[in-house]
């Protein structure tokens, strides 16, 4: 009986520790301005699989925790960009950014302002900023934007 109970406890402990280690916490730079931005940014992160998301207006940093077997930073950042907010690695599409409320339209990050769609591909690979991609193809016609 003691052996069986020890075995069950060991299995539970291993299972718990595996779940604990699979969870990651990271910070992501996300441009935005106000409380409305905060709500949209955090909801977009949660929609992409983050377990927790907290964005600071002052520091422009989003603290996220997520299970690495469910999502990753790229998916979270892409979801935020698709909601209209530039992140450290993704730029929101211009048409989505322009639909943001006036107080939410922030000063775009330098990369976004200087990104030329003609220069989005280097050596057959799309840069981290995938705003130059349409339906998995780079504006230059290369098949470089597929994950």
N, C-alpha and C. Protein backbone atom coordinates (compact mmCIF):
# COMPACT_ATOMS: atom_id res chain seq x y z
N UNK A 1 0.83 -1.19 0.00
CA UNK A 1 0.00 0.00 0.00
C UNK A 1 0.88 1.26 0.00
N UNK A 2 1.94 1.24 0.84
CA UNK A 2 2.83 2.40 0.89
C UNK A 2 3.53 2.60 -0.44
N UNK A 3 3.90 1.51 -1.09
CA UNK A 3 4.59 1.59 -2.37
C UNK A 3 3.66 2.21 -3.42
N UNK A 4 2.41 1.78 -3.41
CA UNK A 4 1.44 2.31 -4.37
C UNK A 4 1.22 3.81 -4.14
N UNK A 5 1.09 4.22 -2.90
CA UNK A 5 0.88 5.62 -2.57
C UNK A 5 2.11 6.45 -2.95
N UNK A 6 3.29 5.94 -2.71
CA UNK A 6 4.53 6.63 -3.09
C UNK A 6 4.60 6.78 -4.60
N UNK A 7 4.24 5.73 -5.31
CA UNK A 7 4.25 5.77 -6.77
C UNK A 7 3.28 6.83 -7.30
N UNK A 8 2.08 6.87 -6.78
CA UNK A 8 1.08 7.85 -7.21
C UNK A 8 1.55 9.26 -6.90
N UNK A 9 2.09 9.49 -5.73
CA UNK A 9 2.61 10.80 -5.37
C UNK A 9 3.77 11.21 -6.27
N UNK A 10 4.61 10.26 -6.61
CA UNK A 10 5.74 10.55 -7.51
C UNK A 10 5.25 10.97 -8.89
N UNK A 11 4.27 10.27 -9.40
CA UNK A 11 3.69 10.60 -10.71
C UNK A 11 3.08 12.00 -10.67
N UNK A 12 2.34 12.30 -9.63
CA UNK A 12 1.72 13.63 -9.50
C UNK A 12 2.78 14.72 -9.41
N UNK A 13 3.82 14.47 -8.66
CA UNK A 13 4.90 15.45 -8.51
C UNK A 13 5.61 15.69 -9.84
N UNK A 14 5.89 14.64 -10.57
CA UNK A 14 6.54 14.76 -11.88
C UNK A 14 5.63 15.53 -12.84
N UNK A 15 4.36 15.19 -12.85
CA UNK A 15 3.40 15.87 -13.72
C UNK A 15 3.32 17.36 -13.37
N UNK A 16 3.25 17.69 -12.10
CA UNK A 16 3.18 19.08 -11.66
C UNK A 16 4.45 19.83 -12.06
N UNK A 17 5.61 19.23 -11.85
CA UNK A 17 6.86 19.92 -12.17
C UNK A 17 7.02 20.12 -13.68
N UNK A 18 6.53 19.17 -14.50
CA UNK A 18 6.61 19.34 -15.94
C UNK A 18 5.76 20.52 -16.39
N UNK A 19 4.57 20.66 -15.82
CA UNK A 19 3.71 21.80 -16.16
C UNK A 19 4.32 23.10 -15.68
N UNK A 20 4.95 23.07 -14.54
CA UNK A 20 5.57 24.27 -13.99
C UNK A 20 6.72 24.75 -14.87
N UNK A 21 7.55 23.82 -15.35
CA UNK A 21 8.69 24.19 -16.16
C UNK A 21 8.31 24.55 -17.58
N UNK A 22 7.17 24.10 -18.06
CA UNK A 22 6.74 24.41 -19.41
C UNK A 22 6.23 25.84 -19.52
N UNK A 23 5.94 26.46 -18.37
CA UNK A 23 5.44 27.84 -18.37
C UNK A 23 6.60 28.82 -18.41
N UNK A 24 6.50 29.81 -19.29
CA UNK A 24 7.54 30.82 -19.42
C UNK A 24 6.96 32.19 -19.10
N UNK A 25 7.80 33.08 -18.62
CA UNK A 25 7.42 34.47 -18.39
C UNK A 25 8.44 35.34 -19.10
N UNK A 26 7.95 36.28 -19.89
CA UNK A 26 8.84 37.13 -20.68
C UNK A 26 8.27 38.54 -20.77
N UNK A 27 9.11 39.45 -21.22
CA UNK A 27 8.68 40.83 -21.46
C UNK A 27 8.78 41.16 -22.93
N UNK A 28 7.81 41.92 -23.43
CA UNK A 28 7.75 42.31 -24.83
C UNK A 28 7.51 43.81 -24.90
N UNK A 29 8.30 44.50 -25.70
CA UNK A 29 8.07 45.93 -25.94
C UNK A 29 6.88 46.08 -26.88
N UNK A 30 5.87 46.86 -26.45
CA UNK A 30 4.68 47.09 -27.26
C UNK A 30 4.36 48.58 -27.21
N UNK A 31 4.25 49.20 -28.38
CA UNK A 31 3.94 50.63 -28.44
C UNK A 31 2.45 50.84 -28.22
N UNK A 32 2.11 51.91 -27.53
CA UNK A 32 0.73 52.26 -27.25
C UNK A 32 0.72 53.49 -26.36
N UNK A 33 -0.48 53.97 -25.97
CA UNK A 33 -0.57 55.21 -25.22
C UNK A 33 -1.37 55.16 -23.93
N UNK A 34 -2.53 54.53 -23.96
CA UNK A 34 -3.50 54.77 -22.89
C UNK A 34 -4.13 53.49 -22.35
N UNK A 35 -5.13 53.69 -21.50
CA UNK A 35 -5.85 52.57 -20.91
C UNK A 35 -6.60 51.73 -21.93
N UNK A 36 -7.11 52.38 -22.98
CA UNK A 36 -7.77 51.60 -24.04
C UNK A 36 -6.76 50.71 -24.75
N UNK A 37 -5.56 51.24 -24.97
CA UNK A 37 -4.48 50.45 -25.58
C UNK A 37 -4.18 49.24 -24.70
N UNK A 38 -4.06 49.50 -23.41
CA UNK A 38 -3.73 48.45 -22.44
C UNK A 38 -4.71 47.29 -22.57
N UNK A 39 -6.00 47.61 -22.60
CA UNK A 39 -7.02 46.57 -22.67
C UNK A 39 -6.90 45.76 -23.96
N UNK A 40 -6.73 46.44 -25.10
CA UNK A 40 -6.63 45.74 -26.39
C UNK A 40 -5.37 44.89 -26.45
N UNK A 41 -4.24 45.44 -26.01
CA UNK A 41 -2.96 44.72 -26.04
C UNK A 41 -3.04 43.46 -25.19
N UNK A 42 -3.52 43.61 -23.96
CA UNK A 42 -3.61 42.46 -23.06
C UNK A 42 -4.58 41.41 -23.59
N UNK A 43 -5.72 41.84 -24.12
CA UNK A 43 -6.69 40.88 -24.68
C UNK A 43 -6.13 40.15 -25.90
N UNK A 44 -5.37 40.86 -26.74
CA UNK A 44 -4.77 40.22 -27.91
C UNK A 44 -3.76 39.16 -27.47
N UNK A 45 -2.99 39.46 -26.44
CA UNK A 45 -2.02 38.48 -25.92
C UNK A 45 -2.73 37.25 -25.36
N UNK A 46 -3.79 37.49 -24.61
CA UNK A 46 -4.55 36.37 -24.04
C UNK A 46 -5.21 35.53 -25.14
N UNK A 47 -5.71 36.20 -26.17
CA UNK A 47 -6.33 35.50 -27.30
C UNK A 47 -5.32 34.59 -28.00
N UNK A 48 -4.05 34.98 -28.00
CA UNK A 48 -3.00 34.19 -28.66
C UNK A 48 -2.46 33.08 -27.77
N UNK A 49 -3.01 32.94 -26.57
CA UNK A 49 -2.60 31.83 -25.71
C UNK A 49 -1.83 32.20 -24.46
N UNK A 50 -1.60 33.49 -24.22
CA UNK A 50 -0.91 33.88 -22.99
C UNK A 50 -1.80 33.55 -21.80
N UNK A 51 -1.20 33.10 -20.71
CA UNK A 51 -1.95 32.82 -19.49
C UNK A 51 -2.21 34.11 -18.72
N UNK A 52 -1.22 34.98 -18.71
CA UNK A 52 -1.33 36.28 -18.04
C UNK A 52 -0.68 37.32 -18.94
N UNK A 53 -1.23 38.54 -18.90
CA UNK A 53 -0.68 39.63 -19.69
C UNK A 53 -0.94 40.93 -18.96
N UNK A 54 0.12 41.72 -18.77
CA UNK A 54 0.00 43.01 -18.11
C UNK A 54 0.91 44.01 -18.80
N UNK A 55 0.29 45.05 -19.42
CA UNK A 55 1.04 46.06 -20.16
C UNK A 55 1.13 47.35 -19.35
N UNK A 56 2.30 47.97 -19.35
CA UNK A 56 2.54 49.21 -18.63
C UNK A 56 2.58 50.39 -19.60
N UNK A 57 1.72 51.39 -19.36
CA UNK A 57 1.73 52.60 -20.19
C UNK A 57 3.06 53.33 -20.10
N UNK A 58 3.66 53.33 -18.91
CA UNK A 58 4.90 54.08 -18.69
C UNK A 58 6.10 53.45 -19.39
N UNK A 59 6.27 52.16 -19.22
CA UNK A 59 7.46 51.50 -19.77
C UNK A 59 7.24 50.91 -21.15
N UNK A 60 5.97 50.80 -21.56
CA UNK A 60 5.60 50.18 -22.85
C UNK A 60 6.00 48.71 -22.91
N UNK A 61 6.10 48.08 -21.74
CA UNK A 61 6.47 46.67 -21.67
C UNK A 61 5.26 45.83 -21.29
N UNK A 62 5.12 44.71 -21.99
CA UNK A 62 4.07 43.74 -21.71
C UNK A 62 4.71 42.54 -21.03
N UNK A 63 4.27 42.26 -19.82
CA UNK A 63 4.73 41.07 -19.11
C UNK A 63 3.74 39.96 -19.42
N UNK A 64 4.24 38.87 -20.01
CA UNK A 64 3.36 37.75 -20.35
C UNK A 64 3.91 36.46 -19.76
N UNK A 65 3.00 35.58 -19.44
CA UNK A 65 3.39 34.22 -19.10
C UNK A 65 2.55 33.30 -19.98
N UNK A 66 3.16 32.22 -20.41
CA UNK A 66 2.49 31.31 -21.33
C UNK A 66 3.11 29.93 -21.22
N UNK A 67 2.37 28.95 -21.67
CA UNK A 67 2.90 27.59 -21.73
C UNK A 67 3.54 27.41 -23.10
N UNK A 68 4.81 27.05 -23.09
CA UNK A 68 5.57 26.95 -24.34
C UNK A 68 5.06 25.86 -25.26
N UNK A 69 4.30 24.91 -24.73
CA UNK A 69 3.75 23.87 -25.59
C UNK A 69 2.40 24.29 -26.21
N UNK A 70 1.89 25.46 -25.82
CA UNK A 70 0.61 25.96 -26.34
C UNK A 70 0.77 27.14 -27.30
N UNK A 71 1.75 28.01 -27.04
CA UNK A 71 1.96 29.19 -27.87
C UNK A 71 3.42 29.63 -27.75
N UNK A 72 3.78 30.72 -28.41
CA UNK A 72 5.13 31.25 -28.30
C UNK A 72 5.08 32.78 -28.45
N UNK A 73 6.22 33.42 -28.25
CA UNK A 73 6.28 34.88 -28.31
C UNK A 73 5.87 35.41 -29.68
N UNK A 74 6.25 34.73 -30.72
CA UNK A 74 5.92 35.19 -32.07
C UNK A 74 4.40 35.23 -32.27
N UNK A 75 3.70 34.19 -31.85
CA UNK A 75 2.24 34.16 -32.00
C UNK A 75 1.59 35.27 -31.18
N UNK A 76 2.09 35.49 -29.98
CA UNK A 76 1.54 36.54 -29.12
C UNK A 76 1.77 37.91 -29.75
N UNK A 77 3.00 38.15 -30.22
CA UNK A 77 3.30 39.44 -30.84
C UNK A 77 2.51 39.65 -32.14
N UNK A 78 2.34 38.60 -32.90
CA UNK A 78 1.59 38.71 -34.15
C UNK A 78 0.13 39.08 -33.87
N UNK A 79 -0.44 38.49 -32.84
CA UNK A 79 -1.82 38.81 -32.45
C UNK A 79 -1.94 40.27 -32.03
N UNK A 80 -0.96 40.76 -31.29
CA UNK A 80 -0.96 42.16 -30.85
C UNK A 80 -0.82 43.09 -32.07
N UNK A 81 0.07 42.75 -32.98
CA UNK A 81 0.25 43.55 -34.19
C UNK A 81 -1.03 43.56 -35.03
N UNK A 82 -1.71 42.44 -35.11
CA UNK A 82 -2.95 42.36 -35.87
C UNK A 82 -4.07 43.18 -35.22
N UNK A 83 -3.89 43.51 -33.94
CA UNK A 83 -4.85 44.37 -33.23
C UNK A 83 -4.50 45.86 -33.42
N UNK A 84 -3.36 46.14 -34.06
CA UNK A 84 -3.00 47.52 -34.37
C UNK A 84 -1.80 48.09 -33.63
N UNK A 85 -1.10 47.27 -32.86
CA UNK A 85 0.00 47.77 -32.04
C UNK A 85 1.33 47.15 -32.45
N UNK A 86 2.33 48.00 -32.68
CA UNK A 86 3.68 47.53 -33.01
C UNK A 86 4.30 46.88 -31.78
N UNK A 87 5.02 45.79 -32.01
CA UNK A 87 5.78 45.15 -30.95
C UNK A 87 7.25 45.20 -31.33
N UNK A 88 8.09 44.67 -30.47
CA UNK A 88 9.53 44.71 -30.74
C UNK A 88 9.89 43.96 -32.01
N UNK A 89 9.12 42.96 -32.40
CA UNK A 89 9.45 42.14 -33.56
C UNK A 89 8.44 42.20 -34.70
N UNK A 90 7.26 42.74 -34.47
CA UNK A 90 6.21 42.80 -35.48
C UNK A 90 5.68 44.22 -35.59
N UNK A 91 5.31 44.60 -36.80
CA UNK A 91 4.72 45.91 -37.05
C UNK A 91 3.27 45.72 -37.45
N UNK A 92 2.40 46.49 -36.83
CA UNK A 92 0.98 46.42 -37.15
C UNK A 92 0.74 46.87 -38.59
N UNK A 93 -0.17 46.22 -39.28
CA UNK A 93 -0.51 46.67 -40.64
C UNK A 93 -1.04 48.12 -40.57
N UNK A 94 -0.64 48.94 -41.53
CA UNK A 94 -1.05 50.34 -41.54
C UNK A 94 -2.56 50.50 -41.50
N UNK A 95 -3.28 49.67 -42.26
CA UNK A 95 -4.74 49.82 -42.31
C UNK A 95 -5.39 49.54 -40.95
N UNK A 96 -4.80 48.66 -40.15
CA UNK A 96 -5.33 48.37 -38.82
C UNK A 96 -4.94 49.49 -37.86
N UNK A 97 -3.69 49.94 -37.95
CA UNK A 97 -3.22 51.04 -37.09
C UNK A 97 -4.08 52.28 -37.29
N UNK A 98 -4.40 52.61 -38.53
CA UNK A 98 -5.17 53.82 -38.83
C UNK A 98 -6.59 53.78 -38.30
N UNK A 99 -7.08 52.57 -37.98
CA UNK A 99 -8.44 52.43 -37.43
C UNK A 99 -8.47 52.58 -35.91
N UNK A 100 -7.29 52.67 -35.28
CA UNK A 100 -7.25 52.86 -33.83
C UNK A 100 -7.85 54.21 -33.47
N UNK A 101 -8.43 54.30 -32.28
CA UNK A 101 -8.96 55.56 -31.78
C UNK A 101 -7.84 56.59 -31.77
N UNK A 102 -8.16 57.85 -31.93
CA UNK A 102 -7.17 58.92 -32.00
C UNK A 102 -6.17 58.93 -30.86
N UNK A 103 -6.66 58.70 -29.63
CA UNK A 103 -5.73 58.73 -28.48
C UNK A 103 -4.82 57.49 -28.46
N UNK A 104 -5.20 56.48 -29.22
CA UNK A 104 -4.41 55.24 -29.26
C UNK A 104 -3.35 55.25 -30.36
N UNK A 105 -3.41 56.23 -31.25
CA UNK A 105 -2.42 56.29 -32.33
C UNK A 105 -1.13 56.88 -31.78
N UNK A 106 -0.19 56.03 -31.55
CA UNK A 106 1.10 56.33 -30.94
C UNK A 106 2.11 56.69 -32.02
N UNK A 107 3.24 57.18 -31.59
CA UNK A 107 4.34 57.43 -32.52
C UNK A 107 4.91 56.08 -32.91
N UNK A 108 4.83 55.75 -34.20
CA UNK A 108 5.24 54.43 -34.67
C UNK A 108 6.73 54.21 -34.44
N UNK A 109 7.10 52.97 -34.21
CA UNK A 109 8.51 52.66 -33.99
C UNK A 109 9.30 52.94 -35.26
N UNK A 110 10.57 53.22 -35.11
CA UNK A 110 11.43 53.64 -36.23
C UNK A 110 11.44 52.60 -37.35
N UNK A 111 11.45 51.34 -37.01
CA UNK A 111 11.50 50.28 -38.02
C UNK A 111 10.26 50.36 -38.91
N UNK A 112 9.11 50.62 -38.30
CA UNK A 112 7.87 50.67 -39.06
C UNK A 112 7.91 51.81 -40.07
N UNK A 113 8.43 52.95 -39.64
CA UNK A 113 8.47 54.11 -40.52
C UNK A 113 9.47 53.92 -41.66
N UNK A 114 10.54 53.18 -41.40
CA UNK A 114 11.59 53.05 -42.41
C UNK A 114 11.50 51.77 -43.23
N UNK A 115 10.62 50.86 -42.86
CA UNK A 115 10.54 49.60 -43.59
C UNK A 115 10.01 49.83 -44.99
N UNK A 116 10.77 49.43 -45.96
CA UNK A 116 10.36 49.52 -47.36
C UNK A 116 10.01 48.11 -47.80
N UNK A 117 8.81 47.93 -48.32
CA UNK A 117 8.38 46.59 -48.69
C UNK A 117 9.33 45.94 -49.68
N UNK A 118 10.01 46.72 -50.48
CA UNK A 118 10.95 46.14 -51.44
C UNK A 118 12.16 45.54 -50.75
N UNK A 119 12.45 45.99 -49.54
CA UNK A 119 13.63 45.51 -48.84
C UNK A 119 13.29 44.54 -47.71
N UNK A 120 12.07 44.00 -47.71
CA UNK A 120 11.69 43.14 -46.59
C UNK A 120 12.34 41.77 -46.65
N UNK A 121 12.82 41.37 -47.79
CA UNK A 121 13.45 40.05 -47.91
C UNK A 121 14.96 40.20 -48.02
N UNK A 122 15.63 39.38 -47.27
CA UNK A 122 17.09 39.33 -47.36
C UNK A 122 17.47 37.86 -47.50
N UNK A 123 18.19 37.57 -48.53
CA UNK A 123 18.66 36.21 -48.80
C UNK A 123 17.50 35.21 -48.79
N UNK A 124 16.37 35.62 -49.37
CA UNK A 124 15.23 34.71 -49.50
C UNK A 124 14.41 34.55 -48.24
N UNK A 125 14.71 35.30 -47.19
CA UNK A 125 13.94 35.19 -45.96
C UNK A 125 13.32 36.52 -45.58
N UNK A 126 12.08 36.46 -45.14
CA UNK A 126 11.41 37.67 -44.70
C UNK A 126 12.01 38.08 -43.36
N UNK A 127 12.15 39.37 -43.15
CA UNK A 127 12.65 39.86 -41.87
C UNK A 127 11.61 39.55 -40.79
N UNK A 128 11.92 39.84 -39.52
CA UNK A 128 10.99 39.59 -38.43
C UNK A 128 9.66 40.30 -38.67
N UNK A 129 9.72 41.48 -39.26
CA UNK A 129 8.53 42.26 -39.56
C UNK A 129 7.86 41.65 -40.78
N UNK A 130 6.70 41.07 -40.60
CA UNK A 130 6.04 40.38 -41.70
C UNK A 130 4.95 41.24 -42.35
N UNK A 131 4.98 42.55 -42.13
CA UNK A 131 3.96 43.41 -42.74
C UNK A 131 4.13 43.48 -44.24
N UNK A 132 5.26 43.02 -44.76
CA UNK A 132 5.48 43.03 -46.21
C UNK A 132 4.92 41.78 -46.87
N UNK A 133 4.32 40.90 -46.10
CA UNK A 133 3.82 39.64 -46.64
C UNK A 133 2.34 39.75 -46.99
N UNK A 134 1.96 39.08 -48.04
CA UNK A 134 0.57 38.93 -48.42
C UNK A 134 0.34 37.47 -48.75
N UNK A 135 -0.58 36.83 -48.03
CA UNK A 135 -0.92 35.44 -48.26
C UNK A 135 0.30 34.53 -48.36
N UNK A 136 1.26 34.73 -47.44
CA UNK A 136 2.42 33.86 -47.39
C UNK A 136 3.50 34.17 -48.39
N UNK A 137 3.33 35.22 -49.17
CA UNK A 137 4.34 35.58 -50.17
C UNK A 137 4.81 37.01 -49.92
N UNK A 138 6.09 37.20 -50.09
CA UNK A 138 6.68 38.52 -49.93
C UNK A 138 6.25 39.40 -51.10
N UNK A 139 6.18 40.68 -50.87
CA UNK A 139 5.84 41.63 -51.93
C UNK A 139 6.78 41.48 -53.12
N UNK A 140 8.00 41.02 -52.87
CA UNK A 140 8.97 40.84 -53.96
C UNK A 140 8.68 39.55 -54.74
N UNK A 141 7.66 38.79 -54.28
CA UNK A 141 7.29 37.57 -54.99
C UNK A 141 7.98 36.33 -54.47
N UNK A 142 8.88 36.49 -53.52
CA UNK A 142 9.55 35.31 -52.99
C UNK A 142 8.64 34.61 -52.01
N UNK A 143 8.79 33.33 -51.89
CA UNK A 143 7.97 32.52 -51.00
C UNK A 143 8.66 32.46 -49.64
N UNK A 144 8.97 33.63 -49.08
CA UNK A 144 9.83 33.66 -47.91
C UNK A 144 9.10 33.96 -46.60
N UNK A 145 7.82 34.21 -46.65
CA UNK A 145 7.12 34.63 -45.45
C UNK A 145 6.41 33.49 -44.74
N UNK A 146 6.48 32.30 -45.30
CA UNK A 146 5.82 31.17 -44.65
C UNK A 146 6.61 30.73 -43.45
N UNK A 147 5.90 30.36 -42.41
CA UNK A 147 6.54 29.89 -41.18
C UNK A 147 6.96 28.45 -41.34
